[in-house]
Amino acid sequence: MKHDYHVVFTTIEDGWIMATAPELPGAVTQGRTMDEARANIKEAIELLLESYRDNAAKDAPGNAIWEVLSIDVPAS
């Protein structure tokens, strides 16, 4: 499944680039270059979503029904 996330890149001290995904609080990282920051935020988002899913699976009751729901969100 593919989903697009908005990412904000900000130059911080010593020329590092901070990357955040405002739609996913906690998805924050940095890199020395845009390419590194982009790769790092992609990994941070993947790991955060994996963690959310794992925690949800642990907390769900045994009779829970799981399904994938696709939602189109207009780009801004």
C-alpha atoms as a PDB file:
ATOM      1  CA  MET A   1       0.000   0.000   0.000  1.00  0.00           C
ATOM      2  CA  LYS A   2       1.293   3.440  -0.880  1.00  0.00           C
ATOM      3  CA  HIS A   3       0.540   6.652   0.970  1.00  0.00           C
ATOM      4  CA  ASP A   4       1.976  10.110   0.429  1.00  0.00           C
ATOM      5  CA  TYR A   5       3.144  12.201   3.382  1.00  0.00           C
ATOM      6  CA  HIS A   6       4.056  15.854   3.504  1.00  0.00           C
ATOM      7  CA  VAL A   7       7.630  16.374   4.709  1.00  0.00           C
ATOM      8  CA  VAL A   8       9.129  19.645   5.922  1.00  0.00           C
ATOM      9  CA  PHE A   9      12.879  20.200   5.571  1.00  0.00           C
ATOM     10  CA  THR A  10      14.516  22.922   7.668  1.00  0.00           C
ATOM     11  CA  THR A  11      18.177  23.901   7.798  1.00  0.00           C
ATOM     12  CA  ILE A  12      19.353  23.839  11.404  1.00  0.00           C
ATOM     13  CA  GLU A  13      22.644  24.468  13.174  1.00  0.00           C
ATOM     14  CA  ASP A  14      25.912  23.554  11.485  1.00  0.00           C
ATOM     15  CA  GLY A  15      24.127  23.168   8.130  1.00  0.00           C
ATOM     16  CA  TRP A  16      22.280  19.968   9.061  1.00  0.00           C
ATOM     17  CA  ILE A  17      18.815  19.493   7.550  1.00  0.00           C
ATOM     18  CA  MET A  18      15.975  18.502   9.860  1.00  0.00           C
ATOM     19  CA  ALA A  19      13.088  16.554   8.329  1.00  0.00           C
ATOM     20  CA  THR A  20       9.650  16.177   9.890  1.00  0.00           C
ATOM     21  CA  ALA A  21       6.357  14.665   8.776  1.00  0.00           C
ATOM     22  CA  PRO A  22       3.704  16.899  10.385  1.00  0.00           C
ATOM     23  CA  GLU A  23       0.981  14.277   9.840  1.00  0.00           C
ATOM     24  CA  LEU A  24       2.950  11.809  11.971  1.00  0.00           C
ATOM     25  CA  PRO A  25       4.109  13.331  15.249  1.00  0.00           C
ATOM     26  CA  GLY A  26       7.339  11.626  16.204  1.00  0.00           C
ATOM     27  CA  ALA A  27       8.585  11.300  12.626  1.00  0.00           C
ATOM     28  CA  VAL A  28      11.593  13.581  12.996  1.00  0.00           C
ATOM     29  CA  THR A  29      15.158  13.086  11.820  1.00  0.00           C
ATOM     30  CA  GLN A  30      18.051  14.915  10.205  1.00  0.00           C
ATOM     31  CA  GLY A  31      20.803  14.543   7.650  1.00  0.00           C
ATOM     32  CA  ARG A  32      23.902  16.346   6.444  1.00  0.00           C
ATOM     33  CA  THR A  33      22.400  16.631   2.929  1.00  0.00           C
ATOM     34  CA  MET A  34      18.886  16.710   1.456  1.00  0.00           C
ATOM     35  CA  ASP A  35      19.371  13.199   0.097  1.00  0.00           C
ATOM     36  CA  GLU A  36      20.412  11.895   3.516  1.00  0.00           C
ATOM     37  CA  ALA A  37      17.576  13.750   5.285  1.00  0.00           C
ATOM     38  CA  ARG A  38      15.080  12.412   2.711  1.00  0.00           C
ATOM     39  CA  ALA A  39      16.298   8.823   3.155  1.00  0.00           C
ATOM     40  CA  ASN A  40      16.267   9.172   6.947  1.00  0.00           C
ATOM     41  CA  ILE A  41      12.713  10.557   7.126  1.00  0.00           C
ATOM     42  CA  LYS A  42      11.482   7.776   4.834  1.00  0.00           C
ATOM     43  CA  GLU A  43      12.995   5.221   7.200  1.00  0.00           C
ATOM     44  CA  ALA A  44      11.624   7.064  10.264  1.00  0.00           C
ATOM     45  CA  ILE A  45       8.098   7.038   8.802  1.00  0.00           C
ATOM     46  CA  GLU A  46       8.334   3.339   7.922  1.00  0.00           C
ATOM     47  CA  LEU A  47       9.564   2.418  11.415  1.00  0.00           C
ATOM     48  CA  LEU A  48       6.971   4.602  13.150  1.00  0.00           C
ATOM     49  CA  LEU A  49       4.088   3.083  11.165  1.00  0.00           C
ATOM     50  CA  GLU A  50       5.418  -0.431  11.783  1.00  0.00           C
ATOM     51  CA  SER A  51       5.557   0.329  15.510  1.00  0.00           C
ATOM     52  CA  TYR A  52       1.986   1.705  15.474  1.00  0.00           C
ATOM     53  CA  ARG A  53       0.727  -1.445  13.715  1.00  0.00           C
ATOM     54  CA  ASP A  54       2.592  -3.776  16.083  1.00  0.00           C
ATOM     55  CA  ASN A  55       1.226  -1.984  19.142  1.00  0.00           C
ATOM     56  CA  ALA A  56      -2.301  -1.962  17.722  1.00  0.00           C
ATOM     57  CA  ALA A  57      -2.095  -5.704  17.053  1.00  0.00           C
ATOM     58  CA  LYS A  58      -0.952  -6.371  20.630  1.00  0.00           C
ATOM     59  CA  ASP A  59      -3.751  -4.237  22.095  1.00  0.00           C
ATOM     60  CA  ALA A  60      -6.576  -5.491  19.862  1.00  0.00           C
ATOM     61  CA  PRO A  61      -8.997  -8.025  21.297  1.00  0.00           C
ATOM     62  CA  GLY A  62      -8.794 -11.531  19.868  1.00  0.00           C
ATOM     63  CA  ASN A  63     -12.102 -11.169  18.027  1.00  0.00           C
ATOM     64  CA  ALA A  64     -11.119  -7.926  16.275  1.00  0.00           C
ATOM     65  CA  ILE A  65     -11.631  -7.753  12.518  1.00  0.00           C
ATOM     66  CA  TRP A  66      -8.758  -6.188  10.569  1.00  0.00           C
ATOM     67  CA  GLU A  67      -9.027  -4.731   7.084  1.00  0.00           C
ATOM     68  CA  VAL A  68      -7.228  -2.221   4.890  1.00  0.00           C
ATOM     69  CA  LEU A  69      -9.151   0.945   4.072  1.00  0.00           C
ATOM     70  CA  SER A  70      -7.985   3.184   1.232  1.00  0.00           C
ATOM     71  CA  ILE A  71      -8.735   6.894   1.538  1.00  0.00           C
ATOM     72  CA  ASP A  72      -8.020   9.546  -1.071  1.00  0.00           C
ATOM     73  CA  VAL A  73      -6.793  12.715   0.611  1.00  0.00           C
ATOM     74  CA  PRO A  74      -6.695  15.828  -1.561  1.00  0.00           C
ATOM     75  CA  ALA A  75      -3.197  17.257  -2.022  1.00  0.00           C
ATOM     76  CA  SER A  76      -2.755  20.739  -0.697  1.00  0.00           C
END
